[in-house]
Amino acid sequence: MFIYTSRFNPCHRKSPTPRPNFEIMKDGKVVKLLDTKYRALWGRSLLAKMLYQLAIYAVSGIGDKTATIF
């Protein structure tokens, strides 16, 4: 999904890859990405980085272009 351009990667970092906690498969293909978190939402809001992570999963092209957080 994201890739470093070799000319502009002086630290030689590896490109990030989505790493959800679970993948739901159907007929050998990923149909849904799931991630788990623990956060008491009635007392605190969801962190922006958690929403960002889900957005990345959803637009990764893996599955049905949605992501779910548990």
N, C-alpha and C. Protein backbone atom coordinates (compact mmCIF):
# COMPACT_ATOMS: atom_id res chain seq x y z
N MET A 1 0.82 -1.19 0.00
CA MET A 1 0.00 0.00 0.00
C MET A 1 0.87 1.25 0.00
N PHE A 2 1.81 1.33 0.94
CA PHE A 2 2.77 2.42 0.96
C PHE A 2 4.13 1.85 0.63
N ILE A 3 4.92 2.61 -0.08
CA ILE A 3 6.26 2.14 -0.42
C ILE A 3 7.21 3.33 -0.40
N TYR A 4 8.39 3.10 0.12
CA TYR A 4 9.42 4.13 0.11
C TYR A 4 10.08 4.15 -1.26
N THR A 5 10.39 5.33 -1.75
CA THR A 5 11.19 5.47 -2.96
C THR A 5 12.65 5.32 -2.57
N SER A 6 13.34 4.44 -3.22
CA SER A 6 14.70 4.10 -2.80
C SER A 6 15.63 5.33 -2.72
N ARG A 7 15.46 6.28 -3.61
CA ARG A 7 16.30 7.49 -3.59
C ARG A 7 16.04 8.36 -2.37
N PHE A 8 14.83 8.25 -1.78
CA PHE A 8 14.45 9.11 -0.67
C PHE A 8 14.23 8.31 0.61
N ASN A 9 14.99 7.25 0.78
CA ASN A 9 14.89 6.40 1.96
C ASN A 9 16.30 6.18 2.52
N PRO A 10 16.92 7.24 3.05
CA PRO A 10 18.31 7.13 3.50
C PRO A 10 18.50 6.16 4.66
N CYS A 11 17.46 5.89 5.43
CA CYS A 11 17.57 4.95 6.56
C CYS A 11 17.25 3.52 6.14
N HIS A 12 16.91 3.31 4.87
CA HIS A 12 16.60 1.98 4.32
C HIS A 12 15.50 1.28 5.11
N ARG A 13 14.45 2.02 5.39
CA ARG A 13 13.32 1.45 6.13
C ARG A 13 12.47 0.57 5.22
N LYS A 14 11.88 -0.47 5.82
CA LYS A 14 10.98 -1.33 5.08
C LYS A 14 9.62 -0.64 4.95
N SER A 15 8.96 -0.86 3.84
CA SER A 15 7.63 -0.28 3.64
C SER A 15 6.65 -0.94 4.60
N PRO A 16 5.72 -0.15 5.16
CA PRO A 16 4.75 -0.73 6.10
C PRO A 16 3.72 -1.59 5.37
N THR A 17 3.23 -2.60 6.07
CA THR A 17 2.17 -3.45 5.54
C THR A 17 1.07 -3.53 6.59
N PRO A 18 -0.20 -3.60 6.15
CA PRO A 18 -1.29 -3.75 7.11
C PRO A 18 -1.13 -5.05 7.90
N ARG A 19 -1.33 -4.98 9.21
CA ARG A 19 -1.23 -6.17 10.06
C ARG A 19 -2.44 -6.22 11.00
N PRO A 20 -3.61 -6.54 10.46
CA PRO A 20 -4.78 -6.63 11.32
C PRO A 20 -4.67 -7.85 12.24
N ASN A 21 -5.48 -7.85 13.29
CA ASN A 21 -5.48 -8.99 14.20
C ASN A 21 -6.13 -10.22 13.59
N PHE A 22 -7.16 -10.01 12.77
CA PHE A 22 -7.88 -11.13 12.16
C PHE A 22 -8.24 -10.81 10.72
N GLU A 23 -8.33 -11.85 9.91
CA GLU A 23 -8.84 -11.75 8.55
C GLU A 23 -9.95 -12.77 8.40
N ILE A 24 -11.08 -12.37 7.87
CA ILE A 24 -12.14 -13.31 7.58
C ILE A 24 -11.97 -13.73 6.12
N MET A 25 -11.92 -15.04 5.93
CA MET A 25 -11.67 -15.61 4.60
C MET A 25 -12.93 -16.29 4.07
N LYS A 26 -13.10 -16.23 2.76
CA LYS A 26 -14.17 -16.96 2.08
C LYS A 26 -13.62 -17.46 0.76
N ASP A 27 -13.69 -18.75 0.56
CA ASP A 27 -13.16 -19.37 -0.66
C ASP A 27 -11.70 -19.01 -0.89
N GLY A 28 -10.94 -18.95 0.18
CA GLY A 28 -9.50 -18.69 0.07
C GLY A 28 -9.12 -17.23 -0.12
N LYS A 29 -10.08 -16.33 -0.07
CA LYS A 29 -9.80 -14.90 -0.24
C LYS A 29 -10.21 -14.14 1.01
N VAL A 30 -9.45 -13.09 1.33
CA VAL A 30 -9.78 -12.24 2.46
C VAL A 30 -10.99 -11.39 2.09
N VAL A 31 -12.02 -11.42 2.94
CA VAL A 31 -13.21 -10.61 2.67
C VAL A 31 -13.39 -9.49 3.69
N LYS A 32 -12.69 -9.58 4.82
CA LYS A 32 -12.86 -8.57 5.87
C LYS A 32 -11.62 -8.54 6.75
N LEU A 33 -11.19 -7.35 7.14
CA LEU A 33 -10.10 -7.17 8.09
C LEU A 33 -10.68 -6.72 9.42
N LEU A 34 -10.19 -7.31 10.49
CA LEU A 34 -10.67 -6.99 11.84
C LEU A 34 -9.48 -6.64 12.72
N ASP A 35 -9.67 -5.68 13.60
CA ASP A 35 -8.64 -5.30 14.55
C ASP A 35 -9.26 -5.22 15.93
N THR A 36 -8.49 -5.54 16.94
CA THR A 36 -9.01 -5.49 18.31
C THR A 36 -8.29 -4.42 19.11
N LYS A 37 -9.04 -3.78 19.96
CA LYS A 37 -8.51 -2.76 20.88
C LYS A 37 -9.27 -2.89 22.19
N TYR A 38 -8.69 -2.41 23.25
CA TYR A 38 -9.46 -2.28 24.48
C TYR A 38 -9.48 -0.82 24.85
N ARG A 39 -10.68 -0.27 24.90
CA ARG A 39 -10.85 1.13 25.28
C ARG A 39 -12.29 1.30 25.75
N ALA A 40 -12.45 1.83 26.92
CA ALA A 40 -13.79 2.06 27.47
C ALA A 40 -14.36 3.31 26.82
N LEU A 41 -15.11 3.12 25.73
CA LEU A 41 -15.59 4.25 24.93
C LEU A 41 -16.63 5.10 25.64
N TRP A 42 -17.27 4.57 26.66
CA TRP A 42 -18.24 5.39 27.39
C TRP A 42 -17.53 6.42 28.26
N GLY A 43 -16.23 6.23 28.51
CA GLY A 43 -15.49 7.19 29.32
C GLY A 43 -14.48 8.00 28.53
N ARG A 44 -14.05 7.45 27.39
CA ARG A 44 -13.02 8.11 26.58
C ARG A 44 -13.33 7.90 25.11
N SER A 45 -12.98 8.87 24.31
CA SER A 45 -13.25 8.74 22.87
C SER A 45 -12.19 7.87 22.21
N LEU A 46 -12.49 7.46 20.99
CA LEU A 46 -11.56 6.66 20.21
C LEU A 46 -10.39 7.55 19.77
N LEU A 47 -9.19 7.05 19.89
CA LEU A 47 -8.01 7.83 19.51
C LEU A 47 -7.92 7.98 17.99
N ALA A 48 -7.40 9.09 17.55
CA ALA A 48 -7.25 9.35 16.12
C ALA A 48 -6.38 8.29 15.46
N LYS A 49 -5.35 7.82 16.16
CA LYS A 49 -4.47 6.82 15.55
C LYS A 49 -5.20 5.49 15.34
N MET A 50 -6.20 5.18 16.18
CA MET A 50 -7.00 3.98 15.98
C MET A 50 -7.87 4.12 14.73
N LEU A 51 -8.47 5.28 14.55
CA LEU A 51 -9.28 5.53 13.36
C LEU A 51 -8.43 5.54 12.10
N TYR A 52 -7.23 6.11 12.19
CA TYR A 52 -6.31 6.13 11.07
C TYR A 52 -5.95 4.70 10.67
N GLN A 53 -5.66 3.86 11.65
CA GLN A 53 -5.32 2.47 11.38
C GLN A 53 -6.46 1.77 10.64
N LEU A 54 -7.68 1.97 11.08
CA LEU A 54 -8.82 1.36 10.40
C LEU A 54 -8.99 1.89 8.98
N ALA A 55 -8.77 3.18 8.81
CA ALA A 55 -8.88 3.77 7.48
C ALA A 55 -7.85 3.15 6.53
N ILE A 56 -6.65 2.94 7.01
CA ILE A 56 -5.61 2.31 6.19
C ILE A 56 -6.02 0.89 5.81
N TYR A 57 -6.55 0.14 6.77
CA TYR A 57 -7.03 -1.21 6.45
C TYR A 57 -8.13 -1.16 5.39
N ALA A 58 -9.05 -0.22 5.53
CA ALA A 58 -10.19 -0.13 4.61
C ALA A 58 -9.76 0.21 3.19
N VAL A 59 -8.76 1.06 3.02
CA VAL A 59 -8.34 1.46 1.67
C VAL A 59 -7.17 0.62 1.14
N SER A 60 -6.78 -0.40 1.88
CA SER A 60 -5.62 -1.21 1.49
C SER A 60 -5.88 -2.06 0.26
N GLY A 61 -7.15 -2.21 -0.12
CA GLY A 61 -7.47 -3.06 -1.26
C GLY A 61 -7.62 -4.52 -0.87
N ILE A 62 -7.50 -4.81 0.42
CA ILE A 62 -7.66 -6.17 0.92
C ILE A 62 -9.08 -6.32 1.42
N GLY A 63 -9.77 -7.31 0.94
CA GLY A 63 -11.14 -7.55 1.41
C GLY A 63 -12.15 -6.66 0.72
N ASP A 64 -13.19 -6.30 1.45
CA ASP A 64 -14.32 -5.57 0.86
C ASP A 64 -14.24 -4.05 1.07
N LYS A 65 -13.05 -3.54 1.29
CA LYS A 65 -12.80 -2.10 1.47
C LYS A 65 -13.46 -1.53 2.71
N THR A 66 -13.64 -2.38 3.71
CA THR A 66 -14.11 -1.94 5.01
C THR A 66 -13.20 -2.56 6.08
N ALA A 67 -13.24 -2.01 7.25
CA ALA A 67 -12.49 -2.55 8.38
C ALA A 67 -13.33 -2.39 9.63
N THR A 68 -13.17 -3.29 10.56
CA THR A 68 -13.97 -3.26 11.78
C THR A 68 -13.05 -3.33 12.98
N ILE A 69 -13.38 -2.56 14.00
CA ILE A 69 -12.63 -2.59 15.25
C ILE A 69 -13.53 -3.22 16.33
N PHE A 70 -12.95 -4.12 17.10
CA PHE A 70 -13.65 -4.72 18.24
C PHE A 70 -13.05 -4.20 19.51
